[in-house]
Amino acid sequence: MSSTQARLDRYLEAEARILTAGFSVQYDVRRRQEAELSEIRKAIAELKAELAAESAGSSSRSSLRYRTAVFCRG
C-alpha cells in the first residue's frame, strides 16, 4: 500500500467518524476537536487525484501524442 493510499484511508476514517460521532471526542479530561468536514473532504479529493496520477504512472507520460499546428500554408 502506498503512503498516499494510507493517508487517504485515514482521511476517510476521519470523515466517517465525524459523520457518525460528531466533530469532537472527549477522553477523560481531554477533548479532541476534529478538523472541519469541508477540509477533510478537500484533502480526500486531492489524495484521490494524487492516487489516480500515481496509478497512471510513467506509461501515460511516455505515450503522449500531440500534433503540430500549421497556421499558414504556402
PDB file of N, CA and C in Angstrom:
ATOM      1  N   MET A   1       0.851  -1.176   0.000  1.00  0.00           N
ATOM      2  CA  MET A   1       0.000   0.000   0.000  1.00  0.00           C
ATOM      3  C   MET A   1       0.898   1.241   0.000  1.00  0.00           C
ATOM      4  N   SER A   2       0.586   2.186  -0.852  1.00  0.00           N
ATOM      5  CA  SER A   2       1.382   3.407  -0.926  1.00  0.00           C
ATOM      6  C   SER A   2       1.056   4.319   0.252  1.00  0.00           C
ATOM      7  N   SER A   3       1.951   5.249   0.513  1.00  0.00           N
ATOM      8  CA  SER A   3       1.700   6.195   1.601  1.00  0.00           C
ATOM      9  C   SER A   3       0.509   7.084   1.275  1.00  0.00           C
ATOM     10  N   THR A   4       0.298   7.363  -0.002  1.00  0.00           N
ATOM     11  CA  THR A   4      -0.864   8.158  -0.405  1.00  0.00           C
ATOM     12  C   THR A   4      -2.147   7.414  -0.089  1.00  0.00           C
ATOM     13  N   GLN A   5      -2.183   6.124  -0.373  1.00  0.00           N
ATOM     14  CA  GLN A   5      -3.370   5.318  -0.072  1.00  0.00           C
ATOM     15  C   GLN A   5      -3.601   5.244   1.435  1.00  0.00           C
ATOM     16  N   ALA A   6      -2.532   5.125   2.201  1.00  0.00           N
ATOM     17  CA  ALA A   6      -2.659   5.076   3.661  1.00  0.00           C
ATOM     18  C   ALA A   6      -3.223   6.390   4.193  1.00  0.00           C
ATOM     19  N   ARG A   7      -2.741   7.509   3.656  1.00  0.00           N
ATOM     20  CA  ARG A   7      -3.268   8.817   4.078  1.00  0.00           C
ATOM     21  C   ARG A   7      -4.732   8.950   3.702  1.00  0.00           C
ATOM     22  N   LEU A   8      -5.090   8.507   2.494  1.00  0.00           N
ATOM     23  CA  LEU A   8      -6.482   8.566   2.059  1.00  0.00           C
ATOM     24  C   LEU A   8      -7.363   7.742   2.989  1.00  0.00           C
ATOM     25  N   ASP A   9      -6.903   6.561   3.359  1.00  0.00           N
ATOM     26  CA  ASP A   9      -7.670   5.711   4.269  1.00  0.00           C
ATOM     27  C   ASP A   9      -7.915   6.403   5.605  1.00  0.00           C
ATOM     28  N   ARG A  10      -6.887   7.091   6.130  1.00  0.00           N
ATOM     29  CA  ARG A  10      -7.050   7.801   7.407  1.00  0.00           C
ATOM     30  C   ARG A  10      -8.039   8.958   7.275  1.00  0.00           C
ATOM     31  N   TYR A  11      -7.998   9.670   6.151  1.00  0.00           N
ATOM     32  CA  TYR A  11      -8.954  10.757   5.949  1.00  0.00           C
ATOM     33  C   TYR A  11     -10.380  10.220   5.814  1.00  0.00           C
ATOM     34  N   LEU A  12     -10.539   9.102   5.131  1.00  0.00           N
ATOM     35  CA  LEU A  12     -11.870   8.506   5.007  1.00  0.00           C
ATOM     36  C   LEU A  12     -12.389   8.050   6.366  1.00  0.00           C
ATOM     37  N   GLU A  13     -11.510   7.518   7.217  1.00  0.00           N
ATOM     38  CA  GLU A  13     -11.902   7.137   8.572  1.00  0.00           C
ATOM     39  C   GLU A  13     -12.312   8.361   9.379  1.00  0.00           C
ATOM     40  N   ALA A  14     -11.570   9.456   9.237  1.00  0.00           N
ATOM     41  CA  ALA A  14     -11.899  10.692   9.950  1.00  0.00           C
ATOM     42  C   ALA A  14     -13.246  11.231   9.496  1.00  0.00           C
ATOM     43  N   GLU A  15     -13.500  11.178   8.195  1.00  0.00           N
ATOM     44  CA  GLU A  15     -14.789  11.632   7.670  1.00  0.00           C
ATOM     45  C   GLU A  15     -15.921  10.793   8.251  1.00  0.00           C
ATOM     46  N   ALA A  16     -15.746   9.487   8.280  1.00  0.00           N
ATOM     47  CA  ALA A  16     -16.777   8.603   8.831  1.00  0.00           C
ATOM     48  C   ALA A  16     -16.996   8.881  10.313  1.00  0.00           C
ATOM     49  N   ARG A  17     -15.905   9.127  11.059  1.00  0.00           N
ATOM     50  CA  ARG A  17     -16.023   9.440  12.485  1.00  0.00           C
ATOM     51  C   ARG A  17     -16.827  10.707  12.702  1.00  0.00           C
ATOM     52  N   ILE A  18     -16.533  11.728  11.895  1.00  0.00           N
ATOM     53  CA  ILE A  18     -17.244  13.000  12.039  1.00  0.00           C
ATOM     54  C   ILE A  18     -18.721  12.822  11.723  1.00  0.00           C
ATOM     55  N   LEU A  19     -19.014  12.079  10.665  1.00  0.00           N
ATOM     56  CA  LEU A  19     -20.408  11.901  10.264  1.00  0.00           C
ATOM     57  C   LEU A  19     -21.201  11.075  11.276  1.00  0.00           C
ATOM     58  N   THR A  20     -20.553  10.162  11.973  1.00  0.00           N
ATOM     59  CA  THR A  20     -21.281   9.314  12.922  1.00  0.00           C
ATOM     60  C   THR A  20     -21.225   9.828  14.354  1.00  0.00           C
ATOM     61  N   ALA A  21     -20.089  10.388  14.767  1.00  0.00           N
ATOM     62  CA  ALA A  21     -19.930  10.759  16.172  1.00  0.00           C
ATOM     63  C   ALA A  21     -19.890  12.263  16.414  1.00  0.00           C
ATOM     64  N   GLY A  22     -19.815  13.050  15.396  1.00  0.00           N
ATOM     65  CA  GLY A  22     -19.732  14.494  15.585  1.00  0.00           C
ATOM     66  C   GLY A  22     -18.305  14.994  15.442  1.00  0.00           C
ATOM     67  N   PHE A  23     -18.125  16.290  15.734  1.00  0.00           N
ATOM     68  CA  PHE A  23     -16.842  16.942  15.490  1.00  0.00           C
ATOM     69  C   PHE A  23     -15.839  16.797  16.619  1.00  0.00           C
ATOM     70  N   SER A  24     -16.275  16.490  17.830  1.00  0.00           N
ATOM     71  CA  SER A  24     -15.312  16.412  18.922  1.00  0.00           C
ATOM     72  C   SER A  24     -15.511  15.135  19.722  1.00  0.00           C
ATOM     73  N   VAL A  25     -14.414  14.679  20.287  1.00  0.00           N
ATOM     74  CA  VAL A  25     -14.415  13.460  21.090  1.00  0.00           C
ATOM     75  C   VAL A  25     -13.735  13.786  22.405  1.00  0.00           C
ATOM     76  N   GLN A  26     -14.284  13.303  23.509  1.00  0.00           N
ATOM     77  CA  GLN A  26     -13.681  13.573  24.802  1.00  0.00           C
ATOM     78  C   GLN A  26     -13.215  12.269  25.436  1.00  0.00           C
ATOM     79  N   TYR A  27     -11.957  12.267  25.877  1.00  0.00           N
ATOM     80  CA  TYR A  27     -11.361  11.144  26.598  1.00  0.00           C
ATOM     81  C   TYR A  27     -10.988  11.654  27.984  1.00  0.00           C
ATOM     82  N   ASP A  28     -11.676  11.190  28.999  1.00  0.00           N
ATOM     83  CA  ASP A  28     -11.474  11.661  30.374  1.00  0.00           C
ATOM     84  C   ASP A  28     -11.565  13.185  30.394  1.00  0.00           C
ATOM     85  N   VAL A  29     -10.462  13.860  30.690  1.00  0.00           N
ATOM     86  CA  VAL A  29     -10.488  15.322  30.734  1.00  0.00           C
ATOM     87  C   VAL A  29     -10.024  15.963  29.436  1.00  0.00           C
ATOM     88  N   ARG A  30      -9.501  15.182  28.536  1.00  0.00           N
ATOM     89  CA  ARG A  30      -9.009  15.727  27.266  1.00  0.00           C
ATOM     90  C   ARG A  30     -10.111  15.723  26.222  1.00  0.00           C
ATOM     91  N   ARG A  31     -10.162  16.778  25.472  1.00  0.00           N
ATOM     92  CA  ARG A  31     -11.128  16.890  24.386  1.00  0.00           C
ATOM     93  C   ARG A  31     -10.365  17.052  23.090  1.00  0.00           C
ATOM     94  N   ARG A  32     -10.740  16.276  22.104  1.00  0.00           N
ATOM     95  CA  ARG A  32     -10.071  16.317  20.796  1.00  0.00           C
ATOM     96  C   ARG A  32     -11.051  16.854  19.769  1.00  0.00           C
ATOM     97  N   GLN A  33     -10.660  17.900  19.085  1.00  0.00           N
ATOM     98  CA  GLN A  33     -11.504  18.529  18.071  1.00  0.00           C
ATOM     99  C   GLN A  33     -11.068  18.062  16.693  1.00  0.00           C
ATOM    100  N   GLU A  34     -12.000  17.526  15.930  1.00  0.00           N
ATOM    101  CA  GLU A  34     -11.699  17.106  14.562  1.00  0.00           C
ATOM    102  C   GLU A  34     -11.641  18.335  13.656  1.00  0.00           C
ATOM    103  N   ALA A  35     -10.988  18.183  12.545  1.00  0.00           N
ATOM    104  CA  ALA A  35     -10.923  19.258  11.552  1.00  0.00           C
ATOM    105  C   ALA A  35     -12.302  19.455  10.932  1.00  0.00           C
ATOM    106  N   GLU A  36     -12.470  20.542  10.270  1.00  0.00           N
ATOM    107  CA  GLU A  36     -13.727  20.808   9.582  1.00  0.00           C
ATOM    108  C   GLU A  36     -13.974  19.753   8.515  1.00  0.00           C
ATOM    109  N   LEU A  37     -15.210  19.363   8.359  1.00  0.00           N
ATOM    110  CA  LEU A  37     -15.572  18.344   7.381  1.00  0.00           C
ATOM    111  C   LEU A  37     -15.199  18.780   5.965  1.00  0.00           C
ATOM    112  N   SER A  38     -15.361  20.054   5.660  1.00  0.00           N
ATOM    113  CA  SER A  38     -15.024  20.538   4.316  1.00  0.00           C
ATOM    114  C   SER A  38     -13.528  20.403   4.033  1.00  0.00           C
ATOM    115  N   GLU A  39     -12.689  20.630   5.050  1.00  0.00           N
ATOM    116  CA  GLU A  39     -11.246  20.479   4.868  1.00  0.00           C
ATOM    117  C   GLU A  39     -10.883  19.021   4.635  1.00  0.00           C
ATOM    118  N   ILE A  40     -11.541  18.136   5.357  1.00  0.00           N
ATOM    119  CA  ILE A  40     -11.280  16.707   5.196  1.00  0.00           C
ATOM    120  C   ILE A  40     -11.709  16.251   3.809  1.00  0.00           C
ATOM    121  N   ARG A  41     -12.863  16.701   3.360  1.00  0.00           N
ATOM    122  CA  ARG A  41     -13.328  16.307   2.026  1.00  0.00           C
ATOM    123  C   ARG A  41     -12.427  16.870   0.932  1.00  0.00           C
ATOM    124  N   LYS A  42     -11.897  18.059   1.132  1.00  0.00           N
ATOM    125  CA  LYS A  42     -10.968  18.641   0.158  1.00  0.00           C
ATOM    126  C   LYS A  42      -9.696  17.794   0.083  1.00  0.00           C
ATOM    127  N   ALA A  43      -9.185  17.390   1.239  1.00  0.00           N
ATOM    128  CA  ALA A  43      -7.986  16.548   1.266  1.00  0.00           C
ATOM    129  C   ALA A  43      -8.252  15.198   0.618  1.00  0.00           C
ATOM    130  N   ILE A  44      -9.445  14.644   0.821  1.00  0.00           N
ATOM    131  CA  ILE A  44      -9.809  13.365   0.204  1.00  0.00           C
ATOM    132  C   ILE A  44      -9.784  13.494  -1.314  1.00  0.00           C
ATOM    133  N   ALA A  45     -10.362  14.573  -1.832  1.00  0.00           N
ATOM    134  CA  ALA A  45     -10.383  14.784  -3.282  1.00  0.00           C
ATOM    135  C   ALA A  45      -8.962  14.923  -3.834  1.00  0.00           C
ATOM    136  N   GLU A  46      -8.110  15.666  -3.108  1.00  0.00           N
ATOM    137  CA  GLU A  46      -6.727  15.837  -3.557  1.00  0.00           C
ATOM    138  C   GLU A  46      -5.973  14.511  -3.551  1.00  0.00           C
ATOM    139  N   LEU A  47      -6.185  13.713  -2.509  1.00  0.00           N
ATOM    140  CA  LEU A  47      -5.491  12.431  -2.423  1.00  0.00           C
ATOM    141  C   LEU A  47      -5.981  11.460  -3.486  1.00  0.00           C
ATOM    142  N   LYS A  48      -7.273  11.501  -3.807  1.00  0.00           N
ATOM    143  CA  LYS A  48      -7.788  10.638  -4.878  1.00  0.00           C
ATOM    144  C   LYS A  48      -7.165  11.024  -6.215  1.00  0.00           C
ATOM    145  N   ALA A  49      -7.017  12.320  -6.452  1.00  0.00           N
ATOM    146  CA  ALA A  49      -6.381  12.778  -7.689  1.00  0.00           C
ATOM    147  C   ALA A  49      -4.914  12.362  -7.724  1.00  0.00           C
ATOM    148  N   GLU A  50      -4.253  12.453  -6.577  1.00  0.00           N
ATOM    149  CA  GLU A  50      -2.850  12.043  -6.497  1.00  0.00           C
ATOM    150  C   GLU A  50      -2.703  10.545  -6.753  1.00  0.00           C
ATOM    151  N   LEU A  51      -3.621   9.757  -6.214  1.00  0.00           N
ATOM    152  CA  LEU A  51      -3.596   8.311  -6.455  1.00  0.00           C
ATOM    153  C   LEU A  51      -3.829   7.988  -7.921  1.00  0.00           C
ATOM    154  N   ALA A  52      -4.747   8.715  -8.548  1.00  0.00           N
ATOM    155  CA  ALA A  52      -5.010   8.492  -9.970  1.00  0.00           C
ATOM    156  C   ALA A  52      -3.764   8.795 -10.795  1.00  0.00           C
ATOM    157  N   ALA A  53      -3.061   9.862 -10.426  1.00  0.00           N
ATOM    158  CA  ALA A  53      -1.829  10.211 -11.137  1.00  0.00           C
ATOM    159  C   ALA A  53      -0.757   9.152 -10.914  1.00  0.00           C
ATOM    160  N   GLU A  54      -0.684   8.630  -9.684  1.00  0.00           N
ATOM    161  CA  GLU A  54       0.295   7.577  -9.396  1.00  0.00           C
ATOM    162  C   GLU A  54      -0.022   6.306 -10.177  1.00  0.00           C
ATOM    163  N   SER A  55      -1.300   5.959 -10.256  1.00  0.00           N
ATOM    164  CA  SER A  55      -1.664   4.720 -10.947  1.00  0.00           C
ATOM    165  C   SER A  55      -1.465   4.848 -12.456  1.00  0.00           C
ATOM    166  N   ALA A  56      -1.601   6.070 -12.978  1.00  0.00           N
ATOM    167  CA  ALA A  56      -1.337   6.281 -14.398  1.00  0.00           C
ATOM    168  C   ALA A  56       0.150   6.062 -14.672  1.00  0.00           C
ATOM    169  N   GLY A  57       0.966   6.477 -13.710  1.00  0.00           N
ATOM    170  CA  GLY A  57       2.398   6.209 -13.770  1.00  0.00           C
ATOM    171  C   GLY A  57       3.089   6.815 -14.962  1.00  0.00           C
ATOM    172  N   SER A  58       4.234   6.314 -15.222  1.00  0.00           N
ATOM    173  CA  SER A  58       5.045   6.841 -16.311  1.00  0.00           C
ATOM    174  C   SER A  58       4.572   6.354 -17.674  1.00  0.00           C
ATOM    175  N   SER A  59       3.753   5.307 -17.706  1.00  0.00           N
ATOM    176  CA  SER A  59       3.309   4.789 -19.003  1.00  0.00           C
ATOM    177  C   SER A  59       2.459   5.806 -19.754  1.00  0.00           C
ATOM    178  N   SER A  60       1.640   6.564 -19.033  1.00  0.00           N
ATOM    179  CA  SER A  60       0.821   7.555 -19.731  1.00  0.00           C
ATOM    180  C   SER A  60       1.661   8.742 -20.181  1.00  0.00           C
ATOM    181  N   ARG A  61       2.708   9.048 -19.432  1.00  0.00           N
ATOM    182  CA  ARG A  61       3.558  10.168 -19.823  1.00  0.00           C
ATOM    183  C   ARG A  61       4.381   9.841 -21.054  1.00  0.00           C
ATOM    184  N   SER A  62       4.766   8.598 -21.194  1.00  0.00           N
ATOM    185  CA  SER A  62       5.593   8.244 -22.340  1.00  0.00           C
ATOM    186  C   SER A  62       4.773   8.065 -23.609  1.00  0.00           C
ATOM    187  N   SER A  63       3.468   7.946 -23.470  1.00  0.00           N
ATOM    188  CA  SER A  63       2.648   7.720 -24.653  1.00  0.00           C
ATOM    189  C   SER A  63       1.833   8.957 -25.046  1.00  0.00           C
ATOM    190  N   LEU A  64       2.293  10.124 -24.625  1.00  0.00           N
ATOM    191  CA  LEU A  64       1.577  11.336 -25.009  1.00  0.00           C
ATOM    192  C   LEU A  64       1.656  11.524 -26.520  1.00  0.00           C
ATOM    193  N   ARG A  65       0.557  11.902 -27.074  1.00  0.00           N
ATOM    194  CA  ARG A  65       0.524  12.154 -28.515  1.00  0.00           C
ATOM    195  C   ARG A  65       0.148  13.616 -28.726  1.00  0.00           C
ATOM    196  N   TYR A  66       0.762  14.218 -29.689  1.00  0.00           N
ATOM    197  CA  TYR A  66       0.458  15.606 -29.977  1.00  0.00           C
ATOM    198  C   TYR A  66       0.587  15.847 -31.465  1.00  0.00           C
ATOM    199  N   ARG A  67       0.021  16.940 -31.899  1.00  0.00           N
ATOM    200  CA  ARG A  67       0.125  17.340 -33.296  1.00  0.00           C
ATOM    201  C   ARG A  67       0.668  18.756 -33.347  1.00  0.00           C
ATOM    202  N   THR A  68       1.374  19.033 -34.383  1.00  0.00           N
ATOM    203  CA  THR A  68       1.894  20.373 -34.588  1.00  0.00           C
ATOM    204  C   THR A  68       0.876  21.171 -35.377  1.00  0.00           C
ATOM    205  N   ALA A  69       0.565  22.345 -34.878  1.00  0.00           N
ATOM    206  CA  ALA A  69      -0.402  23.200 -35.560  1.00  0.00           C
ATOM    207  C   ALA A  69       0.273  23.915 -36.731  1.00  0.00           C
ATOM    208  N   VAL A  70      -0.400  23.941 -37.861  1.00  0.00           N
ATOM    209  CA  VAL A  70       0.089  24.661 -39.035  1.00  0.00           C
ATOM    210  C   VAL A  70      -0.878  25.809 -39.272  1.00  0.00           C
ATOM    211  N   PHE A  71      -0.371  27.055 -39.133  1.00  0.00           N
ATOM    212  CA  PHE A  71      -1.243  28.212 -39.225  1.00  0.00           C
ATOM    213  C   PHE A  71      -1.309  28.810 -40.626  1.00  0.00           C
ATOM    214  N   CYS A  72      -0.315  28.576 -41.438  1.00  0.00           N
ATOM    215  CA  CYS A  72      -0.386  29.097 -42.799  1.00  0.00           C
ATOM    216  C   CYS A  72       0.221  28.080 -43.755  1.00  0.00           C
ATOM    217  N   ARG A  73      -0.401  27.955 -44.846  1.00  0.00           N
ATOM    218  CA  ARG A  73       0.117  27.045 -45.868  1.00  0.00           C
ATOM    219  C   ARG A  73       0.538  27.901 -47.056  1.00  0.00           C
ATOM    220  N   GLY A  74       1.643  27.601 -47.546  1.00  0.00           N
ATOM    221  CA  GLY A  74       2.027  28.464 -48.624  1.00  0.00           C
ATOM    222  C   GLY A  74       2.918  27.940 -49.612  1.00  0.00           C
TER     223      GLY A  74
END
